[in-house]
Amino acid sequence: MLDSLKKSLVKDMPRILSIPARYCPFAIQSYALEKALKLAFAEAIDDGDLAFLENRWLKVEVSDLSASWFITFEAQQLKVKSVVEHADVSFSGNLNEFVLLMGRQEDPDTLFFQRRLRVEGDTELGLELKNLLDNLDFDNLPDWLSDSLQKSAGLVAKYQAA
């Protein structure tokens, strides 16, 4: 019974989350994303590892949420916008694939080669971003965030294909 509930949750979560993603004001979305990115990439920001993203735009699209965000690096901060004139590179995929990636249940190469995550545009910039994700140290995240990512990814890994 509990396994059935967990499997249903993994299957239905994108549909459930698409409602707040669609109706939440972008100002709130960008604020939350910028804070989360600041936590996740604090070490990379301090080390200057995001300079390659200055004056460049990454589009992150979560297809099954019908949601996308544009991210750049300026003034030593990651900034999120709802619309830009041109994205230099785009990463797109379904929510569960991003959860697996962020929870370290799948590596970016596997997801890209299996076409579960797609990269379009400037492939050199995409490769730099993928390498940054590969080297991201989640041990620097607050325990509650790291634990949430790992538990969510574990559920997706176990129940997505079941």
N, C-alpha and C. Protein backbone atom coordinates (compact mmCIF):
# COMPACT_ATOMS: atom_id res chain seq x y z
N MET A 1 0.82 -1.20 0.00
CA MET A 1 0.00 0.00 0.00
C MET A 1 0.87 1.26 0.00
N LEU A 2 1.87 1.31 0.89
CA LEU A 2 2.74 2.48 0.97
C LEU A 2 3.55 2.63 -0.32
N ASP A 3 4.02 1.50 -0.88
CA ASP A 3 4.75 1.56 -2.14
C ASP A 3 3.87 2.10 -3.25
N SER A 4 2.63 1.70 -3.28
CA SER A 4 1.69 2.19 -4.29
C SER A 4 1.48 3.70 -4.16
N LEU A 5 1.41 4.18 -2.94
CA LEU A 5 1.25 5.61 -2.69
C LEU A 5 2.49 6.38 -3.14
N LYS A 6 3.66 5.86 -2.85
CA LYS A 6 4.90 6.52 -3.25
C LYS A 6 5.03 6.55 -4.77
N LYS A 7 4.69 5.43 -5.42
CA LYS A 7 4.74 5.37 -6.88
C LYS A 7 3.78 6.39 -7.47
N SER A 8 2.61 6.50 -6.91
CA SER A 8 1.61 7.47 -7.38
C SER A 8 2.11 8.90 -7.18
N LEU A 9 2.75 9.15 -6.06
CA LEU A 9 3.29 10.48 -5.77
C LEU A 9 4.35 10.87 -6.80
N VAL A 10 5.26 9.95 -7.11
CA VAL A 10 6.31 10.22 -8.10
C VAL A 10 5.68 10.49 -9.46
N LYS A 11 4.67 9.72 -9.82
CA LYS A 11 4.01 9.88 -11.12
C LYS A 11 3.21 11.18 -11.19
N ASP A 12 2.52 11.53 -10.10
CA ASP A 12 1.60 12.68 -10.12
C ASP A 12 2.24 14.01 -9.71
N MET A 13 3.43 13.98 -9.11
CA MET A 13 4.02 15.21 -8.60
C MET A 13 4.17 16.30 -9.67
N PRO A 14 4.63 15.98 -10.88
CA PRO A 14 4.73 17.05 -11.88
C PRO A 14 3.37 17.72 -12.16
N ARG A 15 2.33 16.94 -12.26
CA ARG A 15 1.00 17.51 -12.52
C ARG A 15 0.56 18.37 -11.34
N ILE A 16 0.83 17.91 -10.13
CA ILE A 16 0.45 18.67 -8.93
C ILE A 16 1.23 19.97 -8.84
N LEU A 17 2.54 19.91 -9.09
CA LEU A 17 3.38 21.10 -8.99
C LEU A 17 3.19 22.07 -10.15
N SER A 18 2.59 21.59 -11.24
CA SER A 18 2.38 22.50 -12.38
C SER A 18 1.38 23.60 -12.04
N ILE A 19 0.50 23.34 -11.10
CA ILE A 19 -0.50 24.36 -10.72
C ILE A 19 0.17 25.54 -10.02
N PRO A 20 0.94 25.33 -8.93
CA PRO A 20 1.60 26.50 -8.35
C PRO A 20 2.65 27.11 -9.29
N ALA A 21 3.30 26.29 -10.12
CA ALA A 21 4.28 26.83 -11.06
C ALA A 21 3.61 27.78 -12.04
N ARG A 22 2.39 27.46 -12.42
CA ARG A 22 1.66 28.28 -13.38
C ARG A 22 1.12 29.56 -12.75
N TYR A 23 0.68 29.49 -11.49
CA TYR A 23 -0.02 30.62 -10.89
C TYR A 23 0.78 31.42 -9.87
N CYS A 24 1.92 30.93 -9.47
CA CYS A 24 2.76 31.66 -8.52
C CYS A 24 3.37 32.86 -9.25
N PRO A 25 3.25 34.05 -8.68
CA PRO A 25 3.84 35.22 -9.35
C PRO A 25 5.34 35.03 -9.58
N PHE A 26 5.80 35.51 -10.72
CA PHE A 26 7.20 35.30 -11.07
C PHE A 26 8.14 35.94 -10.06
N ALA A 27 7.74 37.03 -9.45
CA ALA A 27 8.61 37.68 -8.45
C ALA A 27 8.92 36.72 -7.30
N ILE A 28 7.95 35.93 -6.91
CA ILE A 28 8.17 34.95 -5.84
C ILE A 28 9.04 33.80 -6.36
N GLN A 29 8.76 33.33 -7.57
CA GLN A 29 9.57 32.26 -8.15
C GLN A 29 11.03 32.69 -8.26
N SER A 30 11.27 33.88 -8.79
CA SER A 30 12.66 34.32 -8.99
C SER A 30 13.37 34.52 -7.66
N TYR A 31 12.66 35.05 -6.67
CA TYR A 31 13.25 35.24 -5.34
C TYR A 31 13.68 33.88 -4.76
N ALA A 32 12.78 32.91 -4.81
CA ALA A 32 13.07 31.58 -4.26
C ALA A 32 14.21 30.91 -5.03
N LEU A 33 14.17 31.00 -6.35
CA LEU A 33 15.22 30.39 -7.15
C LEU A 33 16.58 31.05 -6.92
N GLU A 34 16.60 32.36 -6.84
CA GLU A 34 17.87 33.05 -6.59
C GLU A 34 18.46 32.67 -5.24
N LYS A 35 17.60 32.54 -4.23
CA LYS A 35 18.10 32.12 -2.90
C LYS A 35 18.63 30.69 -2.95
N ALA A 36 17.90 29.80 -3.62
CA ALA A 36 18.33 28.40 -3.72
C ALA A 36 19.64 28.30 -4.51
N LEU A 37 19.73 29.04 -5.60
CA LEU A 37 20.96 29.03 -6.41
C LEU A 37 22.14 29.58 -5.63
N LYS A 38 21.88 30.61 -4.84
CA LYS A 38 22.95 31.19 -4.01
C LYS A 38 23.49 30.16 -3.03
N LEU A 39 22.59 29.38 -2.42
CA LEU A 39 23.02 28.32 -1.50
C LEU A 39 23.79 27.23 -2.24
N ALA A 40 23.22 26.77 -3.35
CA ALA A 40 23.80 25.64 -4.06
C ALA A 40 25.15 25.98 -4.69
N PHE A 41 25.29 27.20 -5.16
CA PHE A 41 26.50 27.57 -5.89
C PHE A 41 27.40 28.53 -5.12
N ALA A 42 27.25 28.60 -3.80
CA ALA A 42 28.03 29.54 -2.99
C ALA A 42 29.53 29.37 -3.21
N GLU A 43 30.00 28.15 -3.15
CA GLU A 43 31.43 27.90 -3.32
C GLU A 43 31.89 28.27 -4.73
N ALA A 44 31.11 27.90 -5.73
CA ALA A 44 31.46 28.23 -7.12
C ALA A 44 31.48 29.74 -7.33
N ILE A 45 30.56 30.46 -6.70
CA ILE A 45 30.53 31.92 -6.80
C ILE A 45 31.79 32.50 -6.15
N ASP A 46 32.10 32.04 -4.94
CA ASP A 46 33.28 32.53 -4.22
C ASP A 46 34.58 32.25 -4.98
N ASP A 47 34.63 31.09 -5.65
CA ASP A 47 35.83 30.69 -6.38
C ASP A 47 35.92 31.32 -7.77
N GLY A 48 34.89 32.04 -8.19
CA GLY A 48 34.89 32.66 -9.52
C GLY A 48 34.60 31.68 -10.64
N ASP A 49 34.00 30.54 -10.30
CA ASP A 49 33.75 29.50 -11.30
C ASP A 49 32.57 29.79 -12.22
N LEU A 50 31.85 30.86 -11.97
CA LEU A 50 30.69 31.17 -12.81
C LEU A 50 30.93 32.33 -13.76
N ALA A 51 32.16 32.78 -13.85
CA ALA A 51 32.48 33.91 -14.74
C ALA A 51 32.07 33.63 -16.19
N PHE A 52 32.14 32.36 -16.61
CA PHE A 52 31.78 32.00 -17.98
C PHE A 52 30.31 32.29 -18.30
N LEU A 53 29.47 32.49 -17.27
CA LEU A 53 28.05 32.74 -17.48
C LEU A 53 27.71 34.24 -17.49
N GLU A 54 28.72 35.09 -17.27
CA GLU A 54 28.48 36.53 -17.31
C GLU A 54 28.06 36.94 -18.72
N ASN A 55 27.03 37.77 -18.79
CA ASN A 55 26.49 38.25 -20.07
C ASN A 55 26.01 37.12 -20.98
N ARG A 56 25.71 35.98 -20.40
CA ARG A 56 25.19 34.83 -21.15
C ARG A 56 23.95 34.37 -20.41
N TRP A 57 23.05 33.73 -21.13
CA TRP A 57 21.79 33.30 -20.54
C TRP A 57 21.58 31.80 -20.71
N LEU A 58 21.23 31.17 -19.62
CA LEU A 58 20.85 29.77 -19.57
C LEU A 58 19.34 29.72 -19.40
N LYS A 59 18.68 28.96 -20.24
CA LYS A 59 17.25 28.71 -20.07
C LYS A 59 17.10 27.32 -19.46
N VAL A 60 16.39 27.24 -18.36
CA VAL A 60 16.06 25.96 -17.75
C VAL A 60 14.56 25.78 -17.92
N GLU A 61 14.20 24.72 -18.62
CA GLU A 61 12.78 24.46 -18.89
C GLU A 61 12.40 23.10 -18.30
N VAL A 62 11.40 23.12 -17.43
CA VAL A 62 10.85 21.88 -16.88
C VAL A 62 9.57 21.61 -17.66
N SER A 63 9.70 20.73 -18.63
CA SER A 63 8.65 20.54 -19.63
C SER A 63 7.30 20.16 -19.04
N ASP A 64 7.29 19.19 -18.13
CA ASP A 64 6.00 18.74 -17.61
C ASP A 64 5.39 19.69 -16.58
N LEU A 65 6.12 20.72 -16.20
CA LEU A 65 5.54 21.78 -15.36
C LEU A 65 5.10 22.96 -16.22
N SER A 66 5.46 22.93 -17.49
CA SER A 66 5.25 24.07 -18.39
C SER A 66 5.84 25.33 -17.77
N ALA A 67 7.07 25.20 -17.27
CA ALA A 67 7.73 26.30 -16.58
C ALA A 67 9.16 26.45 -17.12
N SER A 68 9.60 27.70 -17.20
CA SER A 68 10.98 27.94 -17.59
C SER A 68 11.48 29.22 -16.93
N TRP A 69 12.80 29.25 -16.76
CA TRP A 69 13.46 30.38 -16.13
C TRP A 69 14.76 30.64 -16.90
N PHE A 70 15.16 31.89 -16.93
CA PHE A 70 16.41 32.29 -17.57
C PHE A 70 17.37 32.75 -16.47
N ILE A 71 18.58 32.22 -16.54
CA ILE A 71 19.55 32.46 -15.47
C ILE A 71 20.84 33.02 -16.07
N THR A 72 21.39 34.02 -15.40
CA THR A 72 22.68 34.59 -15.78
C THR A 72 23.46 34.89 -14.51
N PHE A 73 24.71 35.27 -14.69
CA PHE A 73 25.58 35.62 -13.57
C PHE A 73 26.02 37.05 -13.78
N GLU A 74 25.67 37.92 -12.84
CA GLU A 74 26.09 39.32 -12.93
C GLU A 74 26.29 39.88 -11.53
N ALA A 75 27.27 40.73 -11.40
CA ALA A 75 27.59 41.37 -10.12
C ALA A 75 27.74 40.33 -9.00
N GLN A 76 28.44 39.24 -9.32
CA GLN A 76 28.71 38.16 -8.36
C GLN A 76 27.45 37.49 -7.82
N GLN A 77 26.38 37.52 -8.61
CA GLN A 77 25.13 36.88 -8.20
C GLN A 77 24.49 36.19 -9.39
N LEU A 78 23.80 35.09 -9.10
CA LEU A 78 22.97 34.45 -10.12
C LEU A 78 21.63 35.17 -10.13
N LYS A 79 21.19 35.56 -11.31
CA LYS A 79 19.95 36.31 -11.49
C LYS A 79 18.99 35.47 -12.32
N VAL A 80 17.71 35.56 -11.97
CA VAL A 80 16.67 34.81 -12.67
C VAL A 80 15.68 35.79 -13.28
N LYS A 81 15.36 35.58 -14.56
CA LYS A 81 14.39 36.40 -15.28
C LYS A 81 13.33 35.49 -15.91
N SER A 82 12.19 36.08 -16.23
CA SER A 82 11.12 35.30 -16.85
C SER A 82 11.26 35.26 -18.37
N VAL A 83 11.85 36.30 -18.93
CA VAL A 83 11.98 36.41 -20.38
C VAL A 83 13.28 37.14 -20.69
N VAL A 84 13.98 36.67 -21.70
CA VAL A 84 15.13 37.38 -22.23
C VAL A 84 15.04 37.34 -23.75
N GLU A 85 15.79 38.22 -24.38
CA GLU A 85 15.74 38.29 -25.84
C GLU A 85 16.28 37.02 -26.48
N HIS A 86 17.36 36.46 -25.89
CA HIS A 86 18.00 35.29 -26.50
C HIS A 86 18.69 34.46 -25.41
N ALA A 87 18.40 33.18 -25.39
CA ALA A 87 19.10 32.26 -24.49
C ALA A 87 20.29 31.68 -25.24
N ASP A 88 21.45 31.68 -24.60
CA ASP A 88 22.64 31.13 -25.23
C ASP A 88 22.62 29.60 -25.24
N VAL A 89 22.07 29.04 -24.17
CA VAL A 89 21.97 27.59 -24.07
C VAL A 89 20.70 27.26 -23.30
N SER A 90 20.14 26.11 -23.61
CA SER A 90 18.90 25.69 -22.96
C SER A 90 19.03 24.26 -22.47
N PHE A 91 18.65 24.05 -21.21
CA PHE A 91 18.54 22.70 -20.64
C PHE A 91 17.06 22.45 -20.45
N SER A 92 16.57 21.34 -20.95
CA SER A 92 15.15 21.04 -20.77
C SER A 92 14.97 19.56 -20.47
N GLY A 93 13.91 19.30 -19.72
CA GLY A 93 13.56 17.93 -19.36
C GLY A 93 12.39 17.95 -18.42
N ASN A 94 11.99 16.77 -18.01
CA ASN A 94 10.88 16.65 -17.06
C ASN A 94 11.38 16.81 -15.63
N LEU A 95 10.46 17.15 -14.75
CA LEU A 95 10.78 17.40 -13.35
C LEU A 95 11.59 16.27 -12.73
N ASN A 96 11.15 15.04 -12.91
CA ASN A 96 11.82 13.92 -12.26
C ASN A 96 13.26 13.76 -12.71
N GLU A 97 13.57 14.13 -13.94
CA GLU A 97 14.96 14.05 -14.41
C GLU A 97 15.82 15.07 -13.68
N PHE A 98 15.29 16.28 -13.49
CA PHE A 98 16.03 17.30 -12.74
C PHE A 98 16.19 16.89 -11.27
N VAL A 99 15.18 16.25 -10.71
CA VAL A 99 15.27 15.77 -9.33
C VAL A 99 16.37 14.71 -9.21
N LEU A 100 16.42 13.79 -10.17
CA LEU A 100 17.46 12.77 -10.16
C LEU A 100 18.85 13.40 -10.28
N LEU A 101 18.96 14.41 -11.12
CA LEU A 101 20.24 15.11 -11.30
C LEU A 101 20.67 15.81 -10.03
N MET A 102 19.77 16.59 -9.45
CA MET A 102 20.12 17.38 -8.26
C MET A 102 20.31 16.50 -7.02
N GLY A 103 19.66 15.36 -6.99
CA GLY A 103 19.81 14.45 -5.86
C GLY A 103 20.91 13.43 -6.05
N ARG A 104 21.69 13.60 -7.12
CA ARG A 104 22.85 12.74 -7.39
C ARG A 104 22.49 11.27 -7.60
N GLN A 105 21.27 11.01 -8.10
CA GLN A 105 20.90 9.64 -8.43
C GLN A 105 21.28 9.30 -9.87
N GLU A 106 21.45 10.33 -10.70
CA GLU A 106 21.89 10.16 -12.08
C GLU A 106 22.89 11.25 -12.38
N ASP A 107 23.89 10.92 -13.18
CA ASP A 107 24.86 11.94 -13.56
C ASP A 107 24.36 12.63 -14.84
N PRO A 108 24.79 13.87 -15.06
CA PRO A 108 24.30 14.62 -16.22
C PRO A 108 24.55 13.90 -17.55
N ASP A 109 25.72 13.27 -17.70
CA ASP A 109 26.02 12.60 -18.97
C ASP A 109 24.98 11.53 -19.30
N THR A 110 24.63 10.72 -18.32
CA THR A 110 23.63 9.67 -18.54
C THR A 110 22.31 10.27 -18.98
N LEU A 111 21.87 11.30 -18.28
CA LEU A 111 20.59 11.92 -18.62
C LEU A 111 20.62 12.56 -20.00
N PHE A 112 21.73 13.19 -20.37
CA PHE A 112 21.84 13.81 -21.69
C PHE A 112 21.92 12.75 -22.78
N PHE A 113 22.76 11.72 -22.59
CA PHE A 113 22.92 10.71 -23.63
C PHE A 113 21.65 9.88 -23.83
N GLN A 114 20.87 9.72 -22.79
CA GLN A 114 19.59 9.01 -22.91
C GLN A 114 18.47 9.94 -23.37
N ARG A 115 18.81 11.20 -23.63
CA ARG A 115 17.87 12.23 -24.09
C ARG A 115 16.73 12.48 -23.10
N ARG A 116 17.02 12.22 -21.84
CA ARG A 116 16.05 12.54 -20.78
C ARG A 116 16.20 13.98 -20.35
N LEU A 117 17.37 14.56 -20.57
CA LEU A 117 17.61 15.99 -20.48
C LEU A 117 18.19 16.41 -21.82
N ARG A 118 17.76 17.55 -22.29
CA ARG A 118 18.22 18.03 -23.58
C ARG A 118 19.00 19.33 -23.41
N VAL A 119 20.03 19.47 -24.22
CA VAL A 119 20.79 20.72 -24.24
C VAL A 119 20.76 21.23 -25.68
N GLU A 120 20.44 22.50 -25.83
CA GLU A 120 20.39 23.12 -27.15
C GLU A 120 21.11 24.46 -27.08
N GLY A 121 21.66 24.87 -28.21
CA GLY A 121 22.34 26.15 -28.26
C GLY A 121 23.84 25.99 -28.20
N ASP A 122 24.49 26.88 -27.51
CA ASP A 122 25.95 26.93 -27.40
C ASP A 122 26.44 25.70 -26.64
N THR A 123 26.95 24.71 -27.38
CA THR A 123 27.34 23.45 -26.74
C THR A 123 28.54 23.63 -25.81
N GLU A 124 29.43 24.56 -26.13
CA GLU A 124 30.58 24.80 -25.24
C GLU A 124 30.10 25.33 -23.89
N LEU A 125 29.16 26.27 -23.92
CA LEU A 125 28.59 26.80 -22.68
C LEU A 125 27.84 25.70 -21.95
N GLY A 126 27.10 24.89 -22.68
CA GLY A 126 26.39 23.77 -22.07
C GLY A 126 27.33 22.80 -21.39
N LEU A 127 28.48 22.54 -22.01
CA LEU A 127 29.47 21.64 -21.43
C LEU A 127 30.07 22.22 -20.17
N GLU A 128 30.34 23.54 -20.17
CA GLU A 128 30.85 24.19 -18.96
C GLU A 128 29.84 24.09 -17.82
N LEU A 129 28.57 24.28 -18.13
CA LEU A 129 27.53 24.16 -17.10
C LEU A 129 27.41 22.73 -16.59
N LYS A 130 27.47 21.76 -17.51
CA LYS A 130 27.40 20.35 -17.11
C LYS A 130 28.58 20.00 -16.21
N ASN A 131 29.77 20.47 -16.56
CA ASN A 131 30.96 20.21 -15.73
C ASN A 131 30.82 20.85 -14.36
N LEU A 132 30.25 22.05 -14.32
CA LEU A 132 30.01 22.71 -13.04
C LEU A 132 29.06 21.87 -12.18
N LEU A 133 27.99 21.36 -12.79
CA LEU A 133 27.04 20.51 -12.06
C LEU A 133 27.72 19.23 -11.57
N ASP A 134 28.57 18.65 -12.41
CA ASP A 134 29.30 17.44 -12.02
C ASP A 134 30.15 17.66 -10.77
N ASN A 135 30.71 18.86 -10.65
CA ASN A 135 31.64 19.16 -9.56
C ASN A 135 30.99 19.88 -8.39
N LEU A 136 29.70 20.09 -8.46
CA LEU A 136 29.00 20.80 -7.40
C LEU A 136 29.01 19.97 -6.12
N ASP A 137 29.38 20.60 -5.02
CA ASP A 137 29.48 19.91 -3.73
C ASP A 137 28.23 20.20 -2.91
N PHE A 138 27.35 19.21 -2.84
CA PHE A 138 26.10 19.39 -2.11
C PHE A 138 26.29 19.30 -0.60
N ASP A 139 27.50 18.95 -0.17
CA ASP A 139 27.77 18.91 1.27
C ASP A 139 27.71 20.31 1.89
N ASN A 140 27.81 21.34 1.04
CA ASN A 140 27.76 22.71 1.54
C ASN A 140 26.34 23.23 1.69
N LEU A 141 25.37 22.46 1.23
CA LEU A 141 23.98 22.88 1.38
C LEU A 141 23.52 22.65 2.81
N PRO A 142 22.53 23.41 3.25
CA PRO A 142 21.95 23.13 4.56
C PRO A 142 21.41 21.70 4.59
N ASP A 143 21.51 21.06 5.73
CA ASP A 143 21.09 19.66 5.85
C ASP A 143 19.67 19.43 5.36
N TRP A 144 18.74 20.34 5.71
CA TRP A 144 17.35 20.14 5.32
C TRP A 144 17.19 20.11 3.80
N LEU A 145 17.98 20.92 3.09
CA LEU A 145 17.88 20.97 1.63
C LEU A 145 18.55 19.75 1.01
N SER A 146 19.73 19.43 1.48
CA SER A 146 20.45 18.27 0.98
C SER A 146 19.65 16.99 1.22
N ASP A 147 19.10 16.84 2.42
CA ASP A 147 18.30 15.66 2.74
C ASP A 147 17.05 15.58 1.86
N SER A 148 16.40 16.71 1.65
CA SER A 148 15.19 16.74 0.81
C SER A 148 15.51 16.33 -0.63
N LEU A 149 16.60 16.85 -1.16
CA LEU A 149 17.00 16.49 -2.53
C LEU A 149 17.31 15.00 -2.64
N GLN A 150 18.06 14.50 -1.67
CA GLN A 150 18.44 13.08 -1.72
C GLN A 150 17.24 12.16 -1.55
N LYS A 151 16.34 12.49 -0.63
CA LYS A 151 15.15 11.65 -0.42
C LYS A 151 14.23 11.69 -1.62
N SER A 152 14.03 12.89 -2.18
CA SER A 152 13.18 13.02 -3.36
C SER A 152 13.75 12.23 -4.54
N ALA A 153 15.05 12.38 -4.74
CA ALA A 153 15.70 11.67 -5.84
C ALA A 153 15.65 10.16 -5.61
N GLY A 154 15.80 9.74 -4.38
CA GLY A 154 15.72 8.30 -4.08
C GLY A 154 14.34 7.75 -4.42
N LEU A 155 13.30 8.50 -4.09
CA LEU A 155 11.93 8.08 -4.42
C LEU A 155 11.73 8.01 -5.94
N VAL A 156 12.20 9.03 -6.64
CA VAL A 156 12.06 9.04 -8.09
C VAL A 156 12.82 7.87 -8.70
N ALA A 157 14.04 7.65 -8.26
CA ALA A 157 14.85 6.55 -8.80
C ALA A 157 14.17 5.19 -8.59
N LYS A 158 13.57 5.03 -7.43
CA LYS A 158 12.95 3.75 -7.10
C LYS A 158 11.60 3.54 -7.80
N TYR A 159 10.82 4.60 -7.90
CA TYR A 159 9.43 4.42 -8.34
C TYR A 159 9.12 4.96 -9.72
N GLN A 160 10.02 5.68 -10.34
CA GLN A 160 9.72 6.27 -11.65
C GLN A 160 9.45 5.19 -12.70
N ALA A 161 10.28 4.19 -12.77
CA ALA A 161 10.11 3.16 -13.79
C ALA A 161 9.23 2.01 -13.32
N ALA A 162 8.94 1.99 -12.01
CA ALA A 162 8.16 0.85 -11.46
C ALA A 162 6.73 0.87 -11.94
